Amino acid sequence: MAVPKRRMSRANTHARRSQWKASAPDLVPITVNGREIRVPRPLVRAYQRGILRPED
């Protein structure tokens, strides 16, 4: 495993971490029990099979 040889300054650490931005998942409209809901794409199959239930 790679290990840094020297301690990184706090400013450099914060600047490096600030480059990583989380993006919102793309929501896909699907119909479950006659209702149209928007769910993240990776979870579509779980909602269709009934493994996950939409919140009321």
N, C-alpha and C. Protein backbone atom coordinates (compact mmCIF):
# COMPACT_ATOMS: atom_id res chain seq x y z
N MET A 1 0.84 -1.18 0.00
CA MET A 1 0.00 0.00 0.00
C MET A 1 0.88 1.24 0.00
N ALA A 2 0.52 2.23 -0.79
CA ALA A 2 1.30 3.46 -0.88
C ALA A 2 1.11 4.29 0.38
N VAL A 3 2.21 4.77 0.92
CA VAL A 3 2.18 5.59 2.12
C VAL A 3 2.95 6.87 1.84
N PRO A 4 2.37 8.03 2.17
CA PRO A 4 3.11 9.28 1.93
C PRO A 4 4.35 9.35 2.81
N LYS A 5 5.42 9.90 2.25
CA LYS A 5 6.68 9.96 3.00
C LYS A 5 6.69 11.08 4.02
N ARG A 6 5.94 12.14 3.73
CA ARG A 6 5.93 13.27 4.65
C ARG A 6 4.50 13.69 4.95
N ARG A 7 4.35 14.36 6.05
CA ARG A 7 3.03 14.85 6.44
C ARG A 7 2.58 15.92 5.44
N MET A 8 1.34 15.81 4.99
CA MET A 8 0.80 16.80 4.06
C MET A 8 0.19 17.95 4.88
N SER A 9 0.38 19.16 4.43
CA SER A 9 -0.14 20.31 5.17
C SER A 9 -1.67 20.29 5.14
N ARG A 10 -2.26 20.93 6.12
CA ARG A 10 -3.72 20.97 6.20
C ARG A 10 -4.31 21.67 4.97
N ALA A 11 -3.67 22.74 4.50
CA ALA A 11 -4.17 23.46 3.33
C ALA A 11 -4.16 22.56 2.10
N ASN A 12 -3.07 21.81 1.91
CA ASN A 12 -3.00 20.91 0.76
C ASN A 12 -4.03 19.80 0.86
N THR A 13 -4.23 19.29 2.06
CA THR A 13 -5.22 18.22 2.25
C THR A 13 -6.61 18.72 1.90
N HIS A 14 -6.97 19.89 2.39
CA HIS A 14 -8.30 20.44 2.13
C HIS A 14 -8.47 20.78 0.66
N ALA A 15 -7.44 21.27 0.04
CA ALA A 15 -7.53 21.60 -1.38
C ALA A 15 -7.71 20.33 -2.21
N ARG A 16 -7.03 19.27 -1.83
CA ARG A 16 -7.15 18.01 -2.56
C ARG A 16 -8.54 17.41 -2.37
N ARG A 17 -9.04 17.44 -1.15
CA ARG A 17 -10.35 16.85 -0.88
C ARG A 17 -11.47 17.66 -1.51
N SER A 18 -11.27 18.96 -1.67
CA SER A 18 -12.34 19.79 -2.21
C SER A 18 -12.57 19.52 -3.69
N GLN A 19 -11.63 18.82 -4.35
CA GLN A 19 -11.81 18.52 -5.76
C GLN A 19 -12.84 17.41 -5.98
N TRP A 20 -13.12 16.62 -4.96
CA TRP A 20 -14.06 15.51 -5.09
C TRP A 20 -15.45 15.99 -4.74
N LYS A 21 -16.33 16.00 -5.70
CA LYS A 21 -17.70 16.46 -5.47
C LYS A 21 -18.65 15.29 -5.72
N ALA A 22 -19.57 15.11 -4.81
CA ALA A 22 -20.60 14.08 -5.00
C ALA A 22 -21.66 14.62 -5.93
N SER A 23 -22.13 13.77 -6.83
CA SER A 23 -23.20 14.18 -7.74
C SER A 23 -24.48 13.43 -7.37
N ALA A 24 -25.59 14.08 -7.57
CA ALA A 24 -26.88 13.47 -7.25
C ALA A 24 -27.15 12.33 -8.24
N PRO A 25 -27.72 11.23 -7.76
CA PRO A 25 -28.00 10.12 -8.66
C PRO A 25 -29.12 10.48 -9.64
N ASP A 26 -29.03 9.94 -10.86
CA ASP A 26 -30.08 10.21 -11.82
C ASP A 26 -31.30 9.37 -11.45
N LEU A 27 -32.45 10.03 -11.35
CA LEU A 27 -33.69 9.37 -10.94
C LEU A 27 -34.48 8.97 -12.17
N VAL A 28 -35.02 7.76 -12.13
CA VAL A 28 -35.77 7.21 -13.25
C VAL A 28 -37.22 7.05 -12.82
N PRO A 29 -38.17 7.55 -13.60
CA PRO A 29 -39.58 7.34 -13.22
C PRO A 29 -40.02 5.91 -13.54
N ILE A 30 -40.60 5.24 -12.53
CA ILE A 30 -41.17 3.90 -12.72
C ILE A 30 -42.54 3.86 -12.07
N THR A 31 -43.36 2.90 -12.45
CA THR A 31 -44.69 2.76 -11.88
C THR A 31 -44.71 1.54 -10.98
N VAL A 32 -45.07 1.76 -9.70
CA VAL A 32 -45.17 0.69 -8.72
C VAL A 32 -46.53 0.82 -8.05
N ASN A 33 -47.32 -0.25 -8.10
CA ASN A 33 -48.66 -0.26 -7.50
C ASN A 33 -49.53 0.87 -8.02
N GLY A 34 -49.42 1.16 -9.31
CA GLY A 34 -50.25 2.20 -9.91
C GLY A 34 -49.78 3.62 -9.64
N ARG A 35 -48.69 3.77 -8.93
CA ARG A 35 -48.15 5.10 -8.64
C ARG A 35 -46.83 5.27 -9.36
N GLU A 36 -46.60 6.47 -9.88
CA GLU A 36 -45.32 6.74 -10.53
C GLU A 36 -44.39 7.36 -9.51
N ILE A 37 -43.22 6.73 -9.35
CA ILE A 37 -42.22 7.24 -8.42
C ILE A 37 -40.90 7.37 -9.17
N ARG A 38 -40.00 8.16 -8.60
CA ARG A 38 -38.68 8.36 -9.20
C ARG A 38 -37.67 7.72 -8.25
N VAL A 39 -36.87 6.78 -8.80
CA VAL A 39 -35.90 6.06 -7.99
C VAL A 39 -34.55 6.09 -8.70
N PRO A 40 -33.44 5.91 -7.96
CA PRO A 40 -32.13 5.83 -8.59
C PRO A 40 -32.07 4.63 -9.55
N ARG A 41 -31.35 4.81 -10.64
CA ARG A 41 -31.30 3.78 -11.68
C ARG A 41 -30.86 2.40 -11.16
N PRO A 42 -29.84 2.31 -10.28
CA PRO A 42 -29.43 0.97 -9.83
C PRO A 42 -30.50 0.24 -9.01
N LEU A 43 -31.50 0.97 -8.48
CA LEU A 43 -32.49 0.34 -7.61
C LEU A 43 -33.80 0.02 -8.32
N VAL A 44 -33.88 0.27 -9.63
CA VAL A 44 -35.13 0.06 -10.37
C VAL A 44 -35.59 -1.39 -10.25
N ARG A 45 -34.68 -2.35 -10.46
CA ARG A 45 -35.05 -3.76 -10.42
C ARG A 45 -35.57 -4.16 -9.03
N ALA A 46 -34.95 -3.63 -7.99
CA ALA A 46 -35.38 -3.97 -6.62
C ALA A 46 -36.79 -3.48 -6.36
N TYR A 47 -37.13 -2.28 -6.84
CA TYR A 47 -38.48 -1.76 -6.65
C TYR A 47 -39.48 -2.57 -7.48
N GLN A 48 -39.12 -2.94 -8.68
CA GLN A 48 -40.04 -3.70 -9.54
C GLN A 48 -40.29 -5.10 -8.99
N ARG A 49 -39.30 -5.70 -8.38
CA ARG A 49 -39.45 -7.05 -7.82
C ARG A 49 -40.11 -7.04 -6.44
N GLY A 50 -40.23 -5.87 -5.81
CA GLY A 50 -40.86 -5.79 -4.51
C GLY A 50 -39.89 -5.94 -3.35
N ILE A 51 -38.59 -5.97 -3.65
CA ILE A 51 -37.59 -6.08 -2.57
C ILE A 51 -37.59 -4.80 -1.76
N LEU A 52 -37.67 -3.65 -2.44
CA LEU A 52 -37.77 -2.35 -1.78
C LEU A 52 -39.18 -1.81 -1.99
N ARG A 53 -39.66 -1.12 -0.98
CA ARG A 53 -40.98 -0.52 -1.08
C ARG A 53 -40.85 0.99 -1.01
N PRO A 54 -41.64 1.71 -1.83
CA PRO A 54 -41.58 3.17 -1.76
C PRO A 54 -42.20 3.68 -0.44
N GLU A 55 -41.64 4.78 0.06
CA GLU A 55 -42.19 5.36 1.29
C GLU A 55 -43.53 6.00 0.97
N ASP A 56 -44.44 5.91 1.90
CA ASP A 56 -45.77 6.52 1.70
C ASP A 56 -45.80 7.92 2.23
